[in-house]
Amino acid sequence: MTRAQKTAEERVNNQGTPVNKSKQNSDSVVNFDAIGHMGISPMKKGICSRFTWMGIMQDTIRFVKSCITCQKHCNKLSRLPVQQADIVDKPFDKVAIDIVGPLTVTDNKCRYILTLVDTATRWPEAVPLRDIRTTDVASALFNIFSRLGLPKQILSDNGQQLVLKAMLEVMEMMGIEGRLSKPYHAQSNGMVERFNGTLKNMLHKLTVDKPHTWDKLIPAVLFTFREIPNTTKGYPPFALICDAGQKVLPQPAEQNKTLLQGFPDTLSDLPGRTQRIEYTIRLVDDTPFRIKQYPLPVHATASIDAEIDNMLSSGIIRRSSSPYASPITVVMKKDKTIRLCIDVRRLNRITDFDAEPIPTLDELVSKLNGARYFTKCDFTKGYWQIPLAEESKTYTAFQTSKGRMEFNFMPFGYPQPPAHFKQP
């Protein structure tokens, strides 16, 4: 069966109104307040009950998105700030635990498995349990700790047997910090959750004919886990906890300090100086300009003067007699200190743009495919390590309470420095 499609000129709405008139009258017939600002779909249904025209869906979306009431009272999701992850540099300092089950009852009356994974080495442990009472779980954990040592932190879910007062008291007596994952958010304890899935899958395949013997095969499964290289670490857990594998663990902090002290000229908080390149500002219009200084907060005056003195003493800036002058402003940092900024928007508008391509994050990450070791280097005020051409220094002049200043090195806030900085 087929259904004939009407053209736009032939289409009429349910009330018999022609297409070219229905769209014009839709706003007067359908009241958005009457449907409680419920969104796009209810609004479309209200309009389609009386009118129809070509592009009705797109017009409805634009109408709803332009509603001032919805924009003012919509629920905006705020992003949580990025937090630094815990760095575990010693085996068994932090472990994740969980309970698997109930499973098929074995010949030894076991129904559950207590699982444990070390976050530093991915070393797995699994203990079959008959019951998951707090005393049974605590006893199994104590047997594991008697062989591996006491951890500093234990990450677990909100299971009743893991958060009872008796369990918390046992952990407090041993000097162990307990951390709980977010309810109904298994990703926060994903390491042990992935291990649980793989463990159950392997036990199921090994006990197809004898499902009541899975507890006897746990040691064999654990041996496989410990012997095969981990995809994240690149080494098997056996190697990471034995003497042959100690070199792959992060070095202690004291050794890192000794390494830093061995290269004081390179690994320093003070910016270096390169002689290989210099930065030149090219203008499309060299007519001088001077912009009036913005009012600055009085309480920040001392901090601004101190920052100017510091930049003068380090040679980053110098006194200027340039006909150009840009205003300065300050931005408050999270630590309550100030960041001195220069408003160079007027200069950027007459600056010749550098079309040097900047690599994207996806391109950079794709180059890391297959790598096993990564080194991160951060320049100390990298722009201030590139000297500024003498003829360009006059363009960077800015106003301060101590007079006009200009940069000796490549400043921040200009459009060309990122492209210039990445050039070989």
Protein backbone atom coordinates (compact mmCIF):
# COMPACT_ATOMS: atom_id res chain seq x y z
CA MET A 1 0.00 0.00 0.00
CA THR A 2 1.16 3.51 -0.69
CA ARG A 3 0.06 6.85 0.65
CA ALA A 4 0.00 9.94 -1.50
CA GLN A 5 2.03 12.87 -0.21
CA LYS A 6 0.54 16.34 -0.46
CA THR A 7 2.62 19.26 -1.62
CA ALA A 8 3.16 22.31 0.55
CA GLU A 9 0.58 24.29 -1.40
CA GLU A 10 -2.06 21.58 -1.03
CA ARG A 11 -1.49 20.90 2.66
CA VAL A 12 -4.06 22.30 5.07
CA ASN A 13 -4.40 21.98 8.82
CA ASN A 14 -7.10 20.22 10.78
CA GLN A 15 -9.24 23.36 10.80
CA GLY A 16 -8.98 23.80 7.03
CA THR A 17 -6.69 26.85 7.31
CA PRO A 18 -4.34 27.25 4.33
CA VAL A 19 -0.63 26.73 4.98
CA ASN A 20 0.46 30.30 4.32
CA LYS A 21 -1.99 31.59 6.96
CA SER A 22 -1.62 28.89 9.63
CA LYS A 23 2.00 29.78 10.44
CA GLN A 24 1.14 33.44 10.89
CA ASN A 25 -1.66 32.70 13.37
CA SER A 26 0.07 29.96 15.38
CA ASP A 27 1.39 32.30 18.07
CA SER A 28 -2.06 33.67 18.80
CA VAL A 29 -3.75 30.25 19.00
CA VAL A 30 -1.15 28.26 20.99
CA ASN A 31 -0.26 29.78 24.35
CA PHE A 32 3.10 28.59 25.69
CA ASP A 33 2.07 29.54 29.24
CA ALA A 34 -0.98 27.27 28.96
CA ILE A 35 1.18 24.17 28.55
CA GLY A 36 3.44 25.15 31.44
CA HIS A 37 6.61 25.72 29.39
CA MET A 38 7.04 21.95 29.12
CA GLY A 39 9.39 22.07 26.16
CA ILE A 40 9.61 21.38 22.46
CA SER A 41 7.54 18.21 22.13
CA PRO A 42 4.37 19.46 23.97
CA MET A 43 4.60 22.74 22.08
CA LYS A 44 4.76 20.92 18.74
CA LYS A 45 1.73 18.81 19.65
CA GLY A 46 -0.23 21.94 20.58
CA ILE A 47 0.57 23.61 17.27
CA CYS A 48 -0.04 20.51 15.13
CA SER A 49 -3.51 20.13 16.62
CA ARG A 50 -4.55 23.29 14.72
CA PHE A 51 -1.92 24.11 12.12
CA THR A 52 0.71 22.62 9.87
CA TRP A 53 3.37 24.00 7.52
CA MET A 54 6.73 23.14 6.04
CA GLY A 55 9.50 23.28 8.66
CA ILE A 56 7.15 23.18 11.66
CA MET A 57 9.69 21.28 13.80
CA GLN A 58 12.53 23.75 13.19
CA ASP A 59 10.25 26.72 13.86
CA THR A 60 9.03 25.15 17.11
CA ILE A 61 12.58 24.52 18.33
CA ARG A 62 13.58 28.12 17.62
CA PHE A 63 10.45 29.45 19.35
CA VAL A 64 10.98 27.40 22.53
CA LYS A 65 14.70 28.20 22.73
CA SER A 66 13.92 31.91 22.45
CA CYS A 67 11.49 31.84 25.40
CA ILE A 68 12.87 34.24 28.02
CA THR A 69 11.03 32.54 30.89
CA CYS A 70 12.56 29.14 30.09
CA GLN A 71 16.03 30.64 29.77
CA LYS A 72 15.79 32.34 33.16
CA HIS A 73 14.52 29.32 35.09
CA CYS A 74 16.15 26.38 33.34
CA ASN A 75 18.25 23.97 35.40
CA LYS A 76 21.87 24.64 34.53
CA LEU A 77 24.30 21.83 35.29
CA SER A 78 27.53 23.16 36.76
CA ARG A 79 30.75 21.33 36.03
CA LEU A 80 32.74 20.05 38.95
CA PRO A 81 36.33 21.27 39.08
CA VAL A 82 39.03 18.87 37.96
CA GLN A 83 40.69 17.29 40.96
CA GLN A 84 44.08 15.69 41.14
CA ALA A 85 43.96 11.91 41.43
CA ASP A 86 45.75 10.15 44.26
CA ILE A 87 49.22 8.97 43.26
CA VAL A 88 50.03 5.61 44.84
CA ASP A 89 53.78 4.93 44.68
CA LYS A 90 54.00 1.88 46.95
CA PRO A 91 52.37 -1.55 46.57
CA PHE A 92 49.35 -2.21 48.80
CA ASP A 93 49.14 1.32 50.14
CA LYS A 94 45.66 1.60 48.64
CA VAL A 95 43.39 -1.33 47.82
CA ALA A 96 39.85 -1.66 46.45
CA ILE A 97 37.53 -4.34 47.76
CA ASP A 98 34.12 -5.70 46.81
CA ILE A 99 31.88 -8.73 47.29
CA VAL A 100 30.62 -10.91 44.43
CA GLY A 101 27.49 -13.01 44.83
CA PRO A 102 25.38 -14.79 45.67
CA LEU A 103 26.67 -17.49 43.30
CA THR A 104 25.93 -21.18 42.92
CA VAL A 105 26.45 -22.93 46.25
CA THR A 106 29.59 -25.06 46.14
CA ASP A 107 30.30 -28.35 47.84
CA ASN A 108 31.99 -26.35 50.62
CA LYS A 109 28.82 -24.23 51.09
CA CYS A 110 30.47 -21.12 49.61
CA ARG A 111 28.20 -18.58 47.91
CA TYR A 112 30.22 -15.34 47.82
CA ILE A 113 33.68 -14.09 46.84
CA LEU A 114 35.57 -11.30 48.59
CA THR A 115 37.71 -9.58 45.94
CA LEU A 116 40.63 -7.18 46.47
CA VAL A 117 42.77 -5.32 43.92
CA ASP A 118 45.90 -3.29 44.68
CA THR A 119 45.71 0.04 42.85
CA ALA A 120 49.50 0.36 42.42
CA THR A 121 50.34 -3.08 40.97
CA ARG A 122 46.87 -4.45 40.05
CA TRP A 123 47.61 -7.48 42.26
CA PRO A 124 44.31 -9.41 42.70
CA GLU A 125 43.03 -11.43 45.64
CA ALA A 126 39.82 -13.49 45.87
CA VAL A 127 38.53 -15.40 48.90
CA PRO A 128 35.43 -17.65 48.75
CA LEU A 129 32.99 -17.04 51.61
CA ARG A 130 30.06 -18.96 52.99
CA ASP A 131 28.42 -15.83 54.34
CA ILE A 132 29.05 -12.08 54.14
CA ARG A 133 28.60 -11.19 57.77
CA THR A 134 30.93 -8.51 59.04
CA THR A 135 32.95 -11.05 61.06
CA ASP A 136 33.47 -13.25 57.98
CA VAL A 137 34.57 -10.32 55.81
CA ALA A 138 36.90 -8.95 58.49
CA SER A 139 38.48 -12.40 59.01
CA ALA A 140 39.09 -12.82 55.28
CA LEU A 141 40.64 -9.36 55.02
CA PHE A 142 42.90 -10.05 58.00
CA ASN A 143 44.18 -13.23 56.31
CA ILE A 144 45.04 -11.21 53.20
CA PHE A 145 46.72 -8.44 55.19
CA SER A 146 48.79 -10.98 57.13
CA ARG A 147 50.50 -11.88 53.84
CA LEU A 148 50.56 -8.52 52.03
CA GLY A 149 50.72 -6.00 54.88
CA LEU A 150 48.24 -3.41 56.10
CA PRO A 151 47.11 -0.83 53.52
CA LYS A 152 46.71 2.84 54.27
CA GLN A 153 43.38 3.16 52.43
CA ILE A 154 40.55 0.81 51.53
CA LEU A 155 38.05 1.78 48.84
CA SER A 156 34.73 -0.05 48.91
CA ASP A 157 31.09 0.40 47.99
CA ASN A 158 28.30 1.06 50.46
CA GLY A 159 27.60 -2.61 51.22
CA GLN A 160 26.05 -3.12 54.65
CA GLN A 161 28.72 -5.54 55.84
CA LEU A 162 31.45 -3.02 54.87
CA VAL A 163 30.03 0.09 56.54
CA LEU A 164 28.76 -1.34 59.83
CA LYS A 165 30.18 0.12 63.01
CA ALA A 166 32.03 -3.09 63.88
CA MET A 167 33.84 -3.08 60.52
CA LEU A 168 34.76 0.57 60.85
CA GLU A 169 36.12 0.00 64.34
CA VAL A 170 38.32 -2.85 63.10
CA MET A 171 39.74 -0.62 60.36
CA GLU A 172 40.34 2.19 62.84
CA MET A 173 42.23 -0.17 65.17
CA MET A 174 44.50 -1.18 62.27
CA GLY A 175 45.09 2.45 61.25
CA ILE A 176 43.34 2.04 57.89
CA GLU A 177 41.41 4.89 56.26
CA GLY A 178 38.12 3.77 54.76
CA ARG A 179 36.73 5.43 51.65
CA LEU A 180 33.32 4.77 50.11
CA SER A 181 32.35 5.00 46.47
CA LYS A 182 29.35 7.04 45.39
CA PRO A 183 26.04 5.14 45.72
CA TYR A 184 24.75 3.71 42.42
CA HIS A 185 27.95 4.86 40.71
CA ALA A 186 30.10 1.77 40.20
CA GLN A 187 32.60 3.71 38.07
CA SER A 188 34.12 5.23 41.21
CA ASN A 189 35.30 1.73 42.16
CA GLY A 190 35.78 0.60 38.59
CA MET A 191 39.09 -1.21 39.05
CA VAL A 192 37.68 -3.95 41.26
CA GLU A 193 34.36 -3.97 39.38
CA ARG A 194 36.15 -4.84 36.13
CA PHE A 195 38.09 -7.54 37.94
CA ASN A 196 34.81 -8.97 39.28
CA GLY A 197 33.37 -9.22 35.79
CA THR A 198 36.41 -10.96 34.38
CA LEU A 199 36.66 -13.29 37.38
CA LYS A 200 33.04 -14.42 37.08
CA ASN A 201 33.39 -14.89 33.33
CA MET A 202 36.48 -17.09 33.71
CA LEU A 203 34.98 -19.16 36.53
CA HIS A 204 31.82 -19.69 34.50
CA LYS A 205 33.78 -20.99 31.51
CA LEU A 206 35.91 -23.30 33.68
CA THR A 207 32.96 -24.79 35.56
CA VAL A 208 30.43 -25.40 32.81
CA ASP A 209 30.29 -29.12 33.61
CA LYS A 210 30.83 -28.76 37.36
CA PRO A 211 29.32 -25.47 38.53
CA HIS A 212 29.59 -26.50 42.19
CA THR A 213 33.42 -26.46 42.14
CA TRP A 214 34.16 -22.82 41.30
CA ASP A 215 35.74 -22.17 44.71
CA LYS A 216 38.47 -24.76 44.00
CA LEU A 217 39.46 -23.02 40.75
CA ILE A 218 39.98 -19.54 42.22
CA PRO A 219 43.74 -20.08 42.84
CA ALA A 220 44.25 -21.10 39.20
CA VAL A 221 42.35 -18.05 37.96
CA LEU A 222 44.32 -15.74 40.25
CA PHE A 223 47.58 -17.21 38.97
CA THR A 224 46.53 -16.28 35.43
CA PHE A 225 45.69 -12.73 36.49
CA ARG A 226 49.02 -12.28 38.25
CA GLU A 227 51.12 -13.75 35.45
CA ILE A 228 49.69 -11.93 32.42
CA PRO A 229 50.88 -8.33 31.85
CA ASN A 230 48.32 -5.73 32.86
CA THR A 231 47.10 -3.55 29.98
CA THR A 232 47.47 -0.35 32.02
CA LYS A 233 50.82 -1.01 33.68
CA GLY A 234 52.39 -3.02 30.88
CA TYR A 235 53.83 -5.52 33.40
CA PRO A 236 52.36 -8.53 35.20
CA PRO A 237 51.49 -7.96 38.88
CA PHE A 238 54.05 -10.67 39.78
CA ALA A 239 56.86 -8.53 38.35
CA LEU A 240 55.66 -5.34 39.98
CA ILE A 241 55.83 -6.70 43.53
CA CYS A 242 59.02 -8.75 43.14
CA ASP A 243 62.58 -7.47 43.25
CA ALA A 244 62.91 -7.70 39.47
CA GLY A 245 60.06 -5.27 38.99
CA GLN A 246 60.83 -2.60 41.58
CA LYS A 247 62.45 -0.35 38.96
CA VAL A 248 59.18 0.24 37.18
CA LEU A 249 57.55 1.76 40.27
CA PRO A 250 57.78 5.54 40.81
CA GLN A 251 60.88 6.69 42.61
CA PRO A 252 60.56 7.98 46.19
CA ALA A 253 60.19 11.71 46.63
CA GLU A 254 63.66 12.15 48.14
CA GLN A 255 65.32 10.67 45.05
CA ASN A 256 63.26 12.96 42.85
CA LYS A 257 64.49 15.97 44.84
CA THR A 258 68.09 14.83 44.32
CA LEU A 259 67.47 14.58 40.58
CA LEU A 260 66.05 18.11 40.46
CA GLN A 261 68.96 19.52 42.42
CA GLY A 262 71.40 18.05 39.87
CA PHE A 263 70.22 20.45 37.12
CA PRO A 264 69.68 23.83 38.81
CA ASP A 265 70.10 25.84 35.58
CA THR A 266 67.39 23.93 33.69
CA LEU A 267 64.98 22.85 36.43
CA SER A 268 64.36 26.28 37.97
CA ASP A 269 61.46 28.55 38.86
CA LEU A 270 63.12 31.43 36.99
CA PRO A 271 62.58 31.72 33.20
CA GLY A 272 65.56 31.05 30.98
CA ARG A 273 66.69 32.97 27.89
CA THR A 274 66.92 31.62 24.35
CA GLN A 275 69.05 33.13 21.59
CA ARG A 276 67.73 30.94 18.77
CA ILE A 277 64.65 33.00 17.85
CA GLU A 278 63.07 36.35 18.59
CA TYR A 279 59.49 37.58 18.35
CA THR A 280 58.49 40.41 15.98
CA ILE A 281 55.15 42.23 16.04
CA ARG A 282 53.90 43.19 12.57
CA LEU A 283 51.20 45.87 12.37
CA VAL A 284 48.82 46.66 9.53
CA ASP A 285 48.40 50.20 10.87
CA ASP A 286 51.22 51.83 12.85
CA THR A 287 49.24 54.89 13.95
CA PRO A 288 50.03 55.41 17.68
CA PHE A 289 47.22 55.14 20.22
CA ARG A 290 46.81 55.73 23.92
CA ILE A 291 43.94 54.25 25.96
CA LYS A 292 42.93 55.74 29.28
CA GLN A 293 43.87 53.68 32.32
CA TYR A 294 41.05 51.78 34.05
CA PRO A 295 40.36 52.36 37.76
CA LEU A 296 42.25 49.77 39.83
CA PRO A 297 41.25 48.44 43.27
CA VAL A 298 43.02 50.34 46.00
CA HIS A 299 43.75 47.22 48.06
CA ALA A 300 45.70 45.76 45.10
CA THR A 301 47.99 48.77 44.62
CA ALA A 302 50.81 47.37 46.73
CA SER A 303 50.64 43.99 44.95
CA ILE A 304 50.67 45.67 41.53
CA ASP A 305 53.71 47.78 42.42
CA ALA A 306 55.50 44.70 43.75
CA GLU A 307 54.80 42.80 40.53
CA ILE A 308 56.08 45.71 38.43
CA ASP A 309 59.27 45.93 40.52
CA ASN A 310 59.80 42.18 40.17
CA MET A 311 59.43 42.32 36.37
CA LEU A 312 61.81 45.30 36.20
CA SER A 313 64.47 43.65 38.33
CA SER A 314 64.31 40.43 36.29
CA GLY A 315 64.59 42.31 32.99
CA ILE A 316 61.20 41.23 31.64
CA ILE A 317 60.15 44.87 31.15
CA ARG A 318 61.90 48.25 30.97
CA ARG A 319 60.88 51.90 31.19
CA SER A 320 59.41 53.28 27.99
CA SER A 321 58.90 56.54 26.12
CA SER A 322 56.70 54.94 23.47
CA PRO A 323 53.73 56.83 21.93
CA TYR A 324 51.66 53.69 22.42
CA ALA A 325 49.98 52.95 25.74
CA SER A 326 47.65 50.12 26.77
CA PRO A 327 45.85 49.99 30.13
CA ILE A 328 46.43 47.35 32.80
CA THR A 329 43.98 45.46 34.97
CA VAL A 330 44.17 42.79 37.65
CA VAL A 331 42.52 39.38 38.03
CA MET A 332 42.17 37.70 41.42
CA LYS A 333 43.54 34.17 41.57
CA LYS A 334 42.09 31.33 43.65
CA ASP A 335 44.88 31.73 46.21
CA LYS A 336 43.81 35.39 46.73
CA THR A 337 46.89 36.77 44.95
CA ILE A 338 46.61 38.96 41.85
CA ARG A 339 47.52 38.40 38.24
CA LEU A 340 48.63 41.52 36.39
CA CYS A 341 47.01 41.68 32.95
CA ILE A 342 47.37 44.13 30.06
CA ASP A 343 44.41 45.00 27.84
CA VAL A 344 45.95 44.73 24.37
CA ARG A 345 42.72 44.40 22.42
CA ARG A 346 43.32 47.68 20.62
CA LEU A 347 46.78 46.52 19.54
CA ASN A 348 45.51 43.07 18.52
CA ARG A 349 43.01 44.65 16.12
CA ILE A 350 45.83 46.21 14.07
CA THR A 351 48.25 43.29 14.34
CA ASP A 352 48.98 41.10 11.32
CA PHE A 353 47.72 37.61 12.16
CA ASP A 354 50.10 34.65 11.97
CA ALA A 355 48.40 31.71 10.18
CA GLU A 356 50.80 29.09 11.57
CA PRO A 357 48.61 26.00 12.32
CA ILE A 358 48.30 24.91 15.93
CA PRO A 359 48.14 21.12 16.56
CA THR A 360 44.90 19.90 18.10
CA LEU A 361 44.66 17.78 21.22
CA ASP A 362 43.42 14.78 19.23
CA GLU A 363 46.49 14.89 17.01
CA LEU A 364 48.83 15.03 19.99
CA VAL A 365 47.09 12.18 21.81
CA SER A 366 47.14 9.97 18.69
CA LYS A 367 50.94 10.25 18.60
CA LEU A 368 51.08 8.64 22.04
CA ASN A 369 49.51 5.42 20.79
CA GLY A 370 51.64 2.44 21.77
CA ALA A 371 53.88 4.38 24.15
CA ARG A 372 54.56 2.98 27.61
CA TYR A 373 56.41 5.84 29.28
CA PHE A 374 55.35 9.49 29.24
CA THR A 375 57.25 12.59 30.26
CA LYS A 376 55.55 15.92 30.91
CA CYS A 377 57.58 19.13 30.75
CA ASP A 378 56.23 22.55 31.70
CA PHE A 379 58.13 25.71 30.76
CA THR A 380 58.63 28.32 33.45
CA LYS A 381 56.91 31.38 31.93
CA GLY A 382 57.71 30.03 28.47
CA TYR A 383 56.81 33.23 26.58
CA TRP A 384 59.20 35.27 28.71
CA GLN A 385 62.08 33.09 27.52
CA ILE A 386 61.83 34.39 23.92
CA PRO A 387 63.33 37.87 23.35
CA LEU A 388 61.29 40.58 21.64
CA ALA A 389 62.65 42.36 18.57
CA GLU A 390 63.90 45.85 19.38
CA GLU A 391 61.57 47.57 16.88
CA SER A 392 58.56 45.74 18.38
CA LYS A 393 59.11 46.71 22.01
CA THR A 394 57.56 50.14 21.56
CA TYR A 395 54.20 48.53 20.60
CA THR A 396 53.94 46.71 23.94
CA ALA A 397 54.01 49.81 26.15
CA PHE A 398 51.52 49.91 29.03
CA GLN A 399 50.67 52.33 31.82
CA THR A 400 51.47 51.88 35.51
CA SER A 401 51.65 54.06 38.59
CA LYS A 402 55.43 54.04 38.11
CA GLY A 403 55.21 55.34 34.54
CA ARG A 404 55.08 53.66 31.14
CA MET A 405 56.75 50.27 30.69
CA GLU A 406 57.41 48.03 27.69
CA PHE A 407 58.38 44.40 27.30
CA ASN A 408 61.84 43.05 26.52
CA PHE A 409 60.47 39.55 25.97
CA MET A 410 57.46 38.03 24.24
CA PRO A 411 54.39 39.04 26.27
CA PHE A 412 51.21 37.13 27.01
CA GLY A 413 47.82 38.06 25.53
CA TYR A 414 48.83 38.56 21.90
CA PRO A 415 47.47 36.39 19.03
CA GLN A 416 50.81 35.43 17.45
CA PRO A 417 52.87 34.04 20.38
CA PRO A 418 51.20 30.56 20.45
CA ALA A 419 52.03 29.99 16.78
CA HIS A 420 55.47 31.53 17.17
CA PHE A 421 56.21 29.51 20.30
CA LYS A 422 55.64 26.14 18.59
CA GLN A 423 57.93 26.87 15.65
CA PRO A 424 61.13 24.78 15.65
